[in-house]
Protein backbone atom coordinates (compact mmCIF):
# COMPACT_ATOMS: atom_id res chain seq x y z
CA MET A 1 -37.10 -31.80 135.26
CA ALA A 2 -36.17 -30.24 138.28
CA ILE A 3 -39.36 -28.45 140.40
CA ARG A 4 -38.34 -25.17 141.38
CA LEU A 5 -40.27 -23.40 144.33
CA SER A 6 -39.18 -19.84 143.33
CA GLY A 7 -40.19 -15.94 144.99
CA ILE A 8 -40.88 -17.77 148.36
CA ALA A 9 -38.56 -15.32 149.74
CA SER A 10 -38.86 -12.27 147.63
CA GLY A 11 -42.34 -12.73 146.60
CA MET A 12 -40.94 -12.11 142.46
CA ASP A 13 -42.30 -14.34 140.02
CA THR A 14 -38.50 -15.64 139.10
CA GLU A 15 -40.24 -18.29 136.55
CA SER A 16 -41.69 -15.63 134.54
CA MET A 17 -38.36 -13.67 134.97
CA VAL A 18 -36.27 -16.07 133.73
CA ALA A 19 -38.50 -16.92 130.61
CA GLU A 20 -38.32 -13.13 129.50
CA LEU A 21 -34.62 -13.24 130.05
CA MET A 22 -34.72 -16.63 127.89
CA SER A 23 -36.80 -14.83 125.02
CA ALA A 24 -34.09 -12.85 124.48
CA GLN A 25 -31.13 -15.23 124.22
CA ARG A 26 -33.43 -17.83 122.25
CA LEU A 27 -33.41 -14.84 119.00
CA LYS A 28 -30.52 -16.48 118.16
CA SER A 29 -31.86 -19.44 118.08
CA THR A 30 -35.33 -18.76 116.29
CA LYS A 31 -32.60 -16.86 113.58
CA LEU A 32 -30.94 -20.28 112.73
CA GLU A 33 -34.32 -21.94 112.84
CA ASN A 34 -35.86 -19.60 110.16
CA LYS A 35 -32.34 -20.31 108.19
CA LYS A 36 -32.71 -24.10 107.93
CA THR A 37 -36.22 -23.79 107.22
CA LYS A 38 -35.79 -21.51 104.37
CA ALA A 39 -33.00 -24.00 103.34
CA GLU A 40 -35.28 -27.19 103.44
CA TRP A 41 -38.03 -24.98 101.67
CA LYS A 42 -35.53 -24.39 98.82
CA GLN A 43 -34.28 -27.34 98.86
CA ASP A 44 -38.04 -28.68 98.13
CA ALA A 45 -38.51 -26.36 95.18
CA TRP A 46 -35.27 -27.57 93.59
CA LYS A 47 -36.38 -31.03 93.71
CA GLU A 48 -39.50 -30.29 92.04
CA LEU A 49 -38.11 -28.02 89.74
CA ASN A 50 -35.57 -30.67 89.15
CA LYS A 51 -38.15 -33.37 88.32
CA LYS A 52 -39.75 -30.74 85.50
CA LEU A 53 -36.38 -30.60 84.16
CA TYR A 54 -35.00 -34.07 84.13
CA SER A 55 -38.58 -34.85 82.22
CA PHE A 56 -37.88 -32.30 79.67
CA TYR A 57 -34.69 -33.85 79.13
CA THR A 58 -35.44 -37.44 79.16
CA GLY A 59 -38.64 -36.74 77.13
CA SER A 60 -39.64 -34.22 74.09
CA LEU A 61 -35.83 -32.57 74.15
CA SER A 62 -34.64 -36.07 73.99
CA LYS A 63 -37.10 -36.90 70.90
CA MET A 64 -36.69 -33.79 69.48
CA LYS A 65 -32.84 -34.31 68.43
CA MET A 66 -33.26 -37.80 67.09
CA GLN A 67 -34.39 -38.07 63.04
CA GLY A 68 -36.68 -40.54 64.34
CA GLY A 69 -39.08 -37.86 65.46
CA PHE A 70 -39.15 -36.42 62.26
CA ASN A 71 -39.92 -39.93 60.04
CA THR A 72 -43.21 -40.55 61.71
CA LYS A 73 -44.99 -42.74 58.60
CA SER A 74 -48.72 -43.37 58.39
CA ALA A 75 -49.99 -46.40 56.48
CA GLU A 76 -53.82 -47.39 55.23
CA SER A 77 -55.04 -50.50 54.29
CA SER A 78 -57.71 -51.25 51.60
CA ASN A 79 -59.66 -54.00 53.59
CA THR A 80 -59.08 -53.94 57.29
CA SER A 81 -61.03 -56.87 57.98
CA LYS A 82 -58.51 -58.76 55.79
CA VAL A 83 -55.05 -57.16 56.86
CA SER A 84 -54.45 -54.10 59.24
CA VAL A 85 -51.01 -52.04 58.70
CA THR A 86 -48.64 -50.04 60.71
CA ALA A 87 -45.67 -48.13 59.54
CA THR A 88 -42.24 -47.86 60.56
CA ASN A 89 -39.51 -45.03 60.04
CA ASN A 90 -38.44 -47.35 57.29
CA ALA A 91 -41.00 -48.09 55.44
CA THR A 92 -41.28 -46.97 51.61
CA GLU A 93 -43.69 -44.41 50.54
CA GLY A 94 -46.34 -45.21 47.99
CA THR A 95 -48.66 -47.99 47.54
CA HIS A 96 -47.83 -51.70 48.07
CA GLN A 97 -49.85 -54.46 47.28
CA ILE A 98 -50.51 -57.93 49.78
CA LYS A 99 -52.58 -61.16 48.99
CA VAL A 100 -52.93 -63.60 51.60
CA SER A 101 -53.44 -67.34 50.55
CA SER A 102 -53.55 -68.69 54.50
CA LEU A 103 -52.93 -67.84 57.63
CA ALA A 104 -50.89 -69.70 60.54
CA SER A 105 -52.32 -71.55 63.26
CA ALA A 106 -51.15 -73.73 66.15
CA GLN A 107 -51.77 -77.30 65.82
CA PHE A 108 -54.53 -78.94 68.07
CA VAL A 109 -55.59 -82.51 69.18
CA THR A 110 -59.14 -83.23 70.87
CA GLY A 111 -59.44 -86.43 72.07
CA SER A 112 -62.73 -88.90 72.46
CA LYS A 113 -64.72 -88.33 75.22
CA LEU A 114 -64.22 -90.49 77.73
CA GLY A 115 -66.38 -92.55 80.71
CA SER A 116 -68.24 -90.82 83.21
CA SER A 117 -66.28 -92.11 85.84
CA VAL A 118 -62.87 -90.85 84.52
CA THR A 119 -60.92 -88.55 86.72
CA ALA A 120 -57.52 -87.08 86.68
CA GLY A 121 -56.33 -89.27 89.17
CA THR A 122 -57.67 -92.61 87.02
CA THR A 123 -54.79 -94.96 86.04
CA LEU A 124 -54.22 -95.54 82.40
CA SER A 125 -53.46 -99.24 82.85
CA SER A 126 -57.38 -99.64 84.48
CA LEU A 127 -58.53 -98.10 81.70
CA GLY A 128 -56.53 -101.36 79.33
CA VAL A 129 -53.71 -98.58 77.90
CA GLY A 130 -51.07 -100.99 79.10
CA GLU A 131 -47.23 -100.34 79.50
CA GLY A 132 -44.92 -99.12 77.69
CA ASP A 133 -43.38 -96.11 76.15
CA VAL A 134 -45.04 -93.16 74.41
CA THR A 135 -42.99 -90.83 71.97
CA LEU A 136 -43.85 -87.07 71.89
CA THR A 137 -41.84 -85.04 69.01
CA ASN A 138 -41.85 -81.57 69.25
CA GLY A 139 -39.60 -79.27 66.41
CA THR A 140 -36.19 -81.06 67.08
CA THR A 141 -37.37 -82.23 70.80
CA THR A 142 -38.12 -85.57 71.59
CA LYS A 143 -40.02 -86.38 74.64
CA THR A 144 -40.23 -90.17 75.75
CA ILE A 145 -43.39 -90.76 78.12
CA THR A 146 -42.84 -94.69 80.17
CA VAL A 147 -46.26 -95.50 80.79
CA SER A 148 -46.53 -97.92 83.88
CA SER A 149 -48.91 -99.78 85.92
CA THR A 150 -49.63 -96.62 88.39
CA THR A 151 -49.29 -93.77 85.45
CA THR A 152 -52.37 -91.54 86.03
CA ILE A 153 -53.46 -88.98 83.33
CA SER A 154 -52.68 -86.32 85.30
CA GLU A 155 -49.05 -87.72 85.23
CA PHE A 156 -49.37 -88.39 81.62
CA VAL A 157 -50.69 -84.98 81.03
CA THR A 158 -48.01 -83.26 83.05
CA LYS A 159 -45.29 -85.59 80.86
CA LEU A 160 -47.14 -84.14 77.47
CA LYS A 161 -46.30 -80.22 78.77
CA GLU A 162 -42.40 -81.22 80.30
CA GLY A 163 -42.07 -81.97 76.21
CA GLY A 164 -42.84 -78.22 75.25
CA ILE A 165 -47.10 -78.35 74.72
CA ASN A 166 -49.92 -77.33 75.99
CA ALA A 167 -51.96 -80.27 77.23
CA SER A 168 -54.78 -80.80 80.13
CA PHE A 169 -57.42 -82.72 81.15
CA ASP A 170 -60.76 -81.15 80.89
CA SER A 171 -62.75 -83.19 84.32
CA THR A 172 -65.90 -82.20 82.65
CA GLN A 173 -65.94 -83.02 79.00
CA LYS A 174 -63.35 -86.02 79.98
CA ARG A 175 -61.50 -85.37 77.26
CA ILE A 176 -57.77 -84.90 77.11
CA TYR A 177 -56.62 -81.32 75.20
CA MET A 178 -53.18 -81.07 73.56
CA SER A 179 -51.98 -78.16 71.34
CA SER A 180 -48.64 -76.57 70.31
CA LYS A 181 -47.45 -73.28 72.42
CA ALA A 182 -47.36 -71.33 69.02
CA SER A 183 -48.44 -70.94 65.43
CA GLY A 184 -46.92 -72.45 62.46
CA LEU A 185 -45.07 -75.65 60.96
CA GLU A 186 -41.94 -74.80 62.97
CA ASP A 187 -44.07 -75.77 66.35
CA ALA A 188 -46.17 -78.83 65.02
CA PHE A 189 -45.55 -82.07 67.06
CA SER A 190 -46.16 -85.80 66.74
CA LEU A 191 -47.58 -88.69 69.17
CA SER A 192 -46.35 -92.40 68.92
CA ALA A 193 -47.01 -95.40 70.75
CA GLU A 194 -44.79 -98.34 70.67
CA ALA A 195 -47.07 -102.16 70.74
CA GLY A 196 -48.70 -102.55 73.53
CA VAL A 197 -49.51 -99.16 74.42
CA ASN A 198 -53.62 -98.84 73.29
CA LEU A 199 -53.99 -94.69 73.09
CA ALA A 200 -57.38 -95.00 72.15
CA LYS A 201 -58.32 -95.91 75.82
CA ILE A 202 -57.70 -92.88 76.74
CA GLY A 203 -59.01 -91.24 73.46
CA LEU A 204 -55.99 -90.62 71.18
CA SER A 205 -53.78 -92.09 68.63
CA SER A 206 -51.11 -91.87 66.94
CA PHE A 207 -50.21 -88.69 64.71
CA GLY A 208 -47.48 -86.93 62.43
CA THR A 209 -47.27 -83.42 61.63
CA SER A 210 -48.12 -83.84 58.48
CA ASP A 211 -51.47 -85.75 59.09
CA SER A 212 -54.71 -84.23 57.74
CA ASP A 213 -57.08 -82.25 59.05
CA GLY A 214 -60.47 -83.64 60.31
CA ALA A 215 -61.89 -86.35 62.34
CA VAL A 216 -59.60 -89.59 63.30
CA ALA A 217 -61.08 -92.86 64.07
CA LEU A 218 -60.00 -94.51 67.00
CA SER A 219 -59.83 -98.65 66.97
CA GLY A 220 -62.93 -99.58 69.83
CA GLY A 221 -64.93 -96.84 68.98
CA GLY A 222 -64.83 -92.99 69.00
CA THR A 223 -63.21 -90.21 67.03
CA MET A 224 -60.18 -87.92 67.61
CA SER A 225 -60.23 -84.27 66.50
CA PHE A 226 -56.78 -83.22 64.61
CA VAL A 227 -55.90 -79.71 63.76
CA SER A 228 -52.28 -79.14 61.95
CA ALA A 229 -50.52 -76.48 62.35
CA LYS A 230 -49.75 -74.06 59.33
CA ASN A 231 -47.34 -71.43 58.19
CA ALA A 232 -49.37 -67.88 56.99
CA VAL A 233 -49.02 -67.83 53.36
CA PHE A 234 -48.95 -64.51 51.38
CA GLU A 235 -47.58 -62.29 48.67
CA TYR A 236 -46.47 -58.82 49.09
CA ASN A 237 -45.30 -56.57 45.79
CA GLY A 238 -45.63 -60.05 44.35
CA ALA A 239 -43.03 -62.25 46.09
CA SER A 240 -44.03 -64.71 47.79
CA MET A 241 -43.65 -65.03 51.70
CA THR A 242 -43.74 -67.18 54.58
CA SER A 243 -44.36 -66.72 58.46
CA SER A 244 -45.28 -69.04 61.25
CA SER A 245 -47.28 -66.29 62.83
CA ASN A 246 -49.69 -63.97 61.38
CA ASN A 247 -48.09 -60.43 62.75
CA VAL A 248 -45.06 -60.34 60.36
CA THR A 249 -42.76 -57.68 58.85
CA ALA A 250 -41.93 -56.71 55.82
CA ASN A 251 -39.83 -53.56 54.26
CA GLY A 252 -40.77 -51.27 57.29
CA LEU A 253 -44.63 -52.23 57.59
CA SER A 254 -45.93 -54.51 60.38
CA PHE A 255 -48.59 -56.55 59.13
CA SER A 256 -51.73 -58.28 60.90
CA LEU A 257 -53.09 -61.19 58.52
CA LEU A 258 -56.69 -61.27 59.46
CA GLY A 259 -58.45 -63.25 56.76
CA THR A 260 -57.25 -64.97 53.28
CA THR A 261 -57.99 -62.63 50.32
CA GLY A 262 -58.46 -65.43 47.34
CA THR A 263 -57.66 -63.96 44.07
CA ASP A 264 -58.27 -60.36 45.72
CA THR A 265 -55.30 -57.84 46.41
CA VAL A 266 -55.23 -55.56 49.71
CA SER A 267 -53.28 -51.82 48.78
CA ILE A 268 -51.29 -50.44 51.42
CA ASN A 269 -50.90 -46.76 50.95
CA VAL A 270 -47.92 -45.24 53.28
CA ALA A 271 -47.10 -41.45 53.51
CA SER A 272 -45.08 -39.34 55.44
CA ASN A 273 -47.39 -38.12 58.55
CA THR A 274 -46.78 -34.48 58.38
CA LYS A 275 -49.68 -33.57 61.06
CA ALA A 276 -47.64 -36.09 63.78
CA VAL A 277 -44.22 -34.69 63.55
CA TYR A 278 -46.09 -31.11 63.60
CA ASP A 279 -47.72 -32.40 67.04
CA ASN A 280 -44.25 -33.69 68.21
CA VAL A 281 -42.39 -30.12 67.37
CA LYS A 282 -45.78 -28.16 69.16
CA ASN A 283 -45.86 -30.60 71.91
CA PHE A 284 -41.83 -29.70 72.45
CA VAL A 285 -42.25 -26.08 72.17
CA LYS A 286 -45.23 -26.58 74.62
CA GLU A 287 -43.26 -28.07 77.18
CA TYR A 288 -40.21 -25.60 76.91
CA ASN A 289 -42.42 -22.91 77.59
CA SER A 290 -44.06 -24.24 80.11
CA LEU A 291 -40.48 -24.55 81.89
CA ILE A 292 -39.32 -21.31 80.82
CA THR A 293 -42.52 -19.69 82.40
CA GLU A 294 -42.09 -21.48 85.62
CA MET A 295 -38.71 -20.86 85.45
CA ASN A 296 -38.67 -16.73 84.59
CA GLU A 297 -41.33 -16.66 87.38
CA LEU A 298 -39.03 -18.10 89.98
CA TYR A 299 -36.22 -16.03 89.33
CA SER A 300 -38.54 -12.48 88.89
CA ALA A 301 -40.39 -13.17 91.87
CA ASN A 302 -41.32 -10.27 94.30
CA SER A 303 -38.74 -10.10 97.73
CA ALA A 304 -39.96 -11.17 100.72
CA LYS A 305 -37.98 -9.34 102.62
CA GLY A 306 -38.75 -8.79 106.21
CA PHE A 307 -40.83 -12.17 105.89
CA ASP A 308 -39.22 -15.38 108.32
CA PRO A 309 -41.03 -18.49 109.16
CA LEU A 310 -43.97 -18.20 111.85
CA THR A 311 -43.01 -19.99 115.13
CA ASP A 312 -45.59 -21.91 116.95
CA GLU A 313 -46.87 -19.18 119.12
CA GLU A 314 -47.29 -16.85 115.67
CA LYS A 315 -49.25 -19.42 114.29
CA GLU A 316 -51.90 -19.71 117.09
CA ALA A 317 -52.22 -16.10 116.32
CA MET A 318 -53.49 -16.59 113.10
CA SER A 319 -55.80 -18.53 110.92
CA GLU A 320 -54.90 -20.80 108.23
CA ASP A 321 -55.28 -19.28 105.36
CA GLN A 322 -53.13 -16.45 107.09
CA ILE A 323 -50.21 -18.84 107.64
CA ASP A 324 -50.84 -19.84 103.94
CA LYS A 325 -50.34 -16.61 102.17
CA TRP A 326 -47.56 -15.71 104.77
CA GLU A 327 -45.51 -18.75 104.16
CA SER A 328 -46.06 -18.95 99.86
CA LYS A 329 -45.12 -15.41 100.27
CA ILE A 330 -41.43 -16.70 100.99
CA LYS A 331 -41.76 -19.37 99.22
CA ASP A 332 -42.25 -18.04 96.10
CA SER A 333 -39.36 -15.76 96.59
CA LEU A 334 -37.14 -18.37 97.45
CA LEU A 335 -35.29 -18.80 93.76
CA ARG A 336 -35.12 -15.20 93.41
CA ARG A 337 -32.09 -14.03 91.69
CA ASP A 338 -30.73 -17.75 91.81
CA ASN A 339 -27.64 -17.66 90.14
CA THR A 340 -28.30 -21.50 88.42
CA LEU A 341 -31.65 -20.68 87.69
CA SER A 342 -30.42 -17.73 85.57
CA SER A 343 -27.91 -19.92 84.19
CA LEU A 344 -30.19 -22.31 83.16
CA ILE A 345 -32.67 -19.98 81.69
CA GLY A 346 -29.58 -18.29 79.97
CA THR A 347 -28.79 -21.73 78.39
CA MET A 348 -32.14 -22.57 77.37
CA ARG A 349 -32.57 -19.60 75.23
CA THR A 350 -29.21 -19.19 73.85
CA SER A 351 -29.27 -22.84 72.87
CA LEU A 352 -32.45 -22.33 70.60
CA SER A 353 -31.76 -18.98 69.04
CA GLN A 354 -28.54 -19.88 67.48
CA SER A 355 -28.43 -20.91 63.59
CA VAL A 356 -27.77 -24.25 61.55
CA SER A 357 -25.99 -24.50 58.53
CA TYR A 358 -28.01 -27.13 55.85
CA LYS A 359 -27.04 -27.43 52.12
CA ASN A 360 -24.89 -24.03 52.26
CA GLN A 361 -27.84 -22.11 53.76
CA GLY A 362 -28.58 -20.57 57.27
CA TYR A 363 -31.69 -21.32 59.31
CA SER A 364 -33.16 -20.63 62.59
CA LEU A 365 -36.49 -21.49 64.57
CA SER A 366 -37.49 -18.69 62.92
CA SER A 367 -37.15 -19.85 59.40
CA PHE A 368 -40.29 -22.13 60.13
CA GLY A 369 -42.11 -19.82 62.09
CA ILE A 370 -40.95 -20.54 65.17
CA LYS A 371 -39.86 -17.20 67.10
CA THR A 372 -40.16 -14.98 69.99
CA ALA A 373 -42.98 -12.40 70.44
CA ASN A 374 -41.59 -9.24 72.64
CA TYR A 375 -38.65 -9.10 75.72
CA THR A 376 -41.64 -8.89 78.44
CA GLU A 377 -42.33 -12.59 77.52
CA LYS A 378 -38.59 -13.48 78.31
CA GLY A 379 -37.75 -16.02 75.94
CA LEU A 380 -41.26 -17.84 74.70
CA LEU A 381 -41.85 -19.38 71.33
CA HIS A 382 -44.63 -19.36 68.98
CA ILE A 383 -45.57 -21.16 66.31
CA SER A 384 -46.74 -19.06 63.47
CA GLY A 385 -50.34 -20.23 62.58
CA ASP A 386 -50.93 -22.30 65.55
CA GLU A 387 -54.49 -22.62 65.74
CA ASP A 388 -54.11 -22.94 69.55
CA ASP A 389 -52.22 -19.78 69.95
CA SER A 390 -54.79 -16.45 69.64
CA SER A 391 -51.24 -14.10 69.21
CA VAL A 392 -50.27 -15.92 65.79
CA SER A 393 -53.23 -18.20 65.14
CA ALA A 394 -54.05 -16.04 62.39
CA GLU A 395 -50.64 -15.70 60.54
CA GLU A 396 -49.48 -18.28 57.81
CA ASN A 397 -48.38 -21.44 59.59
CA LYS A 398 -44.79 -21.35 58.16
CA LEU A 399 -43.82 -24.94 60.06
CA MET A 400 -46.21 -27.06 58.67
CA LYS A 401 -45.40 -25.36 54.97
CA ALA A 402 -41.88 -26.09 55.51
CA LEU A 403 -42.63 -29.76 56.63
CA THR A 404 -44.00 -30.62 53.78
CA GLU A 405 -41.80 -29.04 51.38
CA ASN A 406 -38.37 -29.17 52.94
CA PRO A 407 -38.97 -31.26 55.73
CA GLU A 408 -34.90 -32.06 55.66
CA ALA A 409 -33.94 -28.73 56.64
CA VAL A 410 -36.19 -28.48 59.63
CA MET A 411 -35.45 -32.01 60.89
CA THR A 412 -31.37 -30.63 60.84
CA THR A 413 -32.47 -27.31 62.31
CA LEU A 414 -34.33 -28.71 65.23
CA ASN A 415 -32.50 -31.95 65.71
CA THR A 416 -28.64 -29.68 65.91
CA LEU A 417 -29.99 -26.91 68.27
CA ALA A 418 -32.33 -29.61 70.60
CA GLY A 419 -28.94 -31.47 70.70
CA LYS A 420 -27.28 -28.25 71.79
CA LEU A 421 -29.54 -27.88 74.62
CA TYR A 422 -29.19 -32.09 75.17
CA SER A 423 -25.64 -31.57 75.60
CA SER A 424 -25.53 -28.48 77.88
CA PHE A 425 -27.99 -30.02 79.97
CA THR A 426 -25.82 -33.30 80.12
CA ASP A 427 -22.89 -30.92 80.95
CA GLY A 428 -24.84 -29.53 83.36
CA MET A 429 -25.55 -32.72 85.27
CA GLN A 430 -22.32 -33.72 85.87
CA SER A 431 -22.11 -34.74 89.27
CA ASN A 432 -19.00 -32.77 91.27
CA SER A 433 -18.46 -31.66 94.84
CA LEU A 434 -21.25 -29.38 94.97
CA ARG A 435 -24.30 -31.57 92.82
CA SER A 436 -25.15 -35.12 92.19
CA ALA A 437 -25.19 -36.71 88.58
CA LEU A 438 -28.58 -36.08 86.92
CA THR A 439 -29.12 -32.75 89.35
CA PHE A 440 -29.22 -29.44 87.80
CA TYR A 441 -28.93 -27.56 91.28
CA ASN A 442 -26.11 -27.55 94.15
CA ASP A 443 -27.87 -30.55 96.24
CA LYS A 444 -25.19 -31.39 98.17
CA GLU A 445 -24.39 -27.94 99.07
CA ILE A 446 -27.95 -27.26 100.15
CA LYS A 447 -28.12 -30.57 101.98
CA LYS A 448 -24.53 -29.50 103.90
CA GLN A 449 -26.02 -26.29 105.02
CA ILE A 450 -29.35 -27.84 106.72
CA GLU A 451 -26.53 -30.33 108.16
CA ASP A 452 -24.64 -27.30 109.37
CA TYR A 453 -27.49 -25.40 110.81
CA GLN A 454 -28.93 -28.23 112.90
CA GLY A 455 -25.61 -28.50 113.89
CA ASP A 456 -25.62 -25.25 115.22
CA LEU A 457 -28.79 -25.48 116.79
CA SER A 458 -28.27 -28.60 118.70
CA THR A 459 -25.12 -26.49 120.23
CA LEU A 460 -26.97 -23.23 120.71
CA GLU A 461 -29.38 -25.14 123.06
CA ASP A 462 -26.81 -26.82 125.16
CA LYS A 463 -25.58 -23.54 125.53
CA LEU A 464 -29.01 -21.88 126.29
CA ALA A 465 -29.89 -24.84 128.37
CA ASP A 466 -26.59 -23.46 130.54
CA ILE A 467 -27.83 -19.99 130.24
CA GLU A 468 -31.11 -20.91 131.77
CA SER A 469 -29.92 -23.24 134.28
CA ARG A 470 -27.75 -20.19 135.49
CA TYR A 471 -30.31 -17.43 135.92
CA TYR A 472 -32.30 -20.23 138.19
CA LYS A 473 -28.81 -20.61 140.39
CA GLN A 474 -28.84 -16.92 140.60
CA PHE A 475 -32.09 -16.46 141.57
CA ALA A 476 -31.86 -19.44 144.34
CA ALA A 477 -28.92 -17.80 145.33
CA MET A 478 -30.54 -14.42 145.89
CA GLU A 479 -33.45 -16.04 147.64
CA LYS A 480 -31.50 -17.59 149.85
CA ALA A 481 -29.67 -14.73 150.66
CA MET A 482 -33.05 -13.21 151.29
CA SER A 483 -34.03 -15.98 153.34
CA ASN A 484 -31.00 -15.47 155.61
CA MET A 485 -32.04 -12.03 155.86
CA ASN A 486 -35.20 -11.94 156.89
CA SER A 487 -34.72 -14.72 159.11
CA LYS A 488 -32.12 -12.12 160.93
CA SER A 489 -34.69 -9.55 160.80
CA SER A 490 -37.36 -11.43 162.97
CA TYR A 491 -34.56 -12.45 165.27
CA LEU A 492 -33.57 -9.33 165.51
CA ALA A 493 -37.22 -7.90 165.82
CA SER A 494 -38.06 -11.00 168.01
CA MET A 495 -34.69 -9.29 170.79
CA LEU A 496 -35.96 -5.95 170.50
CA GLY A 497 -40.13 -6.75 171.39
CA THR A 498 -37.94 -8.75 174.52
CA ASN A 499 -35.96 -6.06 175.68
CA ASN A 500 -39.10 -3.12 175.53
CA GLN A 501 -40.92 -5.53 177.61
């Protein structure tokens, strides 16, 4: 930065004079900066609103246009300690019967306890197992494990796991544990060893998938515990069924089998959950109202004419509260009378105000008590009889009545109207030269405006720097001229003084 010694000859404060001159010049820069700041604030406002619109589009609006949102079923078990149940939308309404003869279980093998000095690194040969092959059969998979003189317990267990089962050596209990990775007969496994391989030395014995549960005596002493794999066996509405898991599905019902029932029968009652459907519609209306309220407020906001973003100097003279109020006044008005916003509001209100034909009869939202109140609310919806809406809570709940008496008409009407709004939103979010995909506003256009303002500011700053430099050069020339004039005046004065003497 250049060091300027100004005003020496003239005595003028040229620094202040240049600053005042530049202040007038910088008004253009301030105006451009204000436009850029407002465009950035407008971009932020649209981003926030776009996020809410997209959430509504992919959430409750998407759900409302699908029949699944109206087919909610509930299921109750007469004995939840034996059978718990949930219903899908395809479950048949009415009473169902289920009996559970046995539960599915995994296969478990617990080896006998080995000596206290045995560790995972102990070799099988040091325990007297011998050398040869051990065969693990897991379903249709067969794994051959070759036991050599150097094979350790840890290595043997690793080979078992490679065969597709759970296996471990408990260094505290000194036992080898094995189990199938899932319940059911399909995951049962067997173990066999060729002659010369004495598995009893590591607490195990050959076994098959159909061996009986219980303790297995080992040659040389000790017992191995064996629990066979089992399928769940149950009877649903008189039909015998099996499953490798205790979580089973049948006829649109998802059962968790928790215990055997013997000769007793567990009753399952399936019914339409009208309250759940009602709550889905209520949630949709609530989200719609929240959006339409915010959009109306943004569109009808008070004008902020005469309010511009504050400069740093202006902020220094104001409190934080004053700054917040000033900027909020501007930010709240940024989407005032915005054409895109107006179009969105119109689309939302128009799409849901149409009628739908079902079985040669016309229906609209108002047919089921979903209505607007008066024009001052600008499209807000109310559900007659909604206990959470004081303006209509005393009225008959026509929606609940219709869901009970004529659910198909309600579903068809709401599916259709929500589908129309969904399609309008989809079309409105198509990518083009002004906006990106999945965006409700012209984000590309705003971004281009901000970039243009930034470019103009950079150009203007260069121009202002040139103007400031010119001012200083002009003052410097003036100072030089005055210095020369003062020098000549001093010389002339000195000459006149000499002559007088």
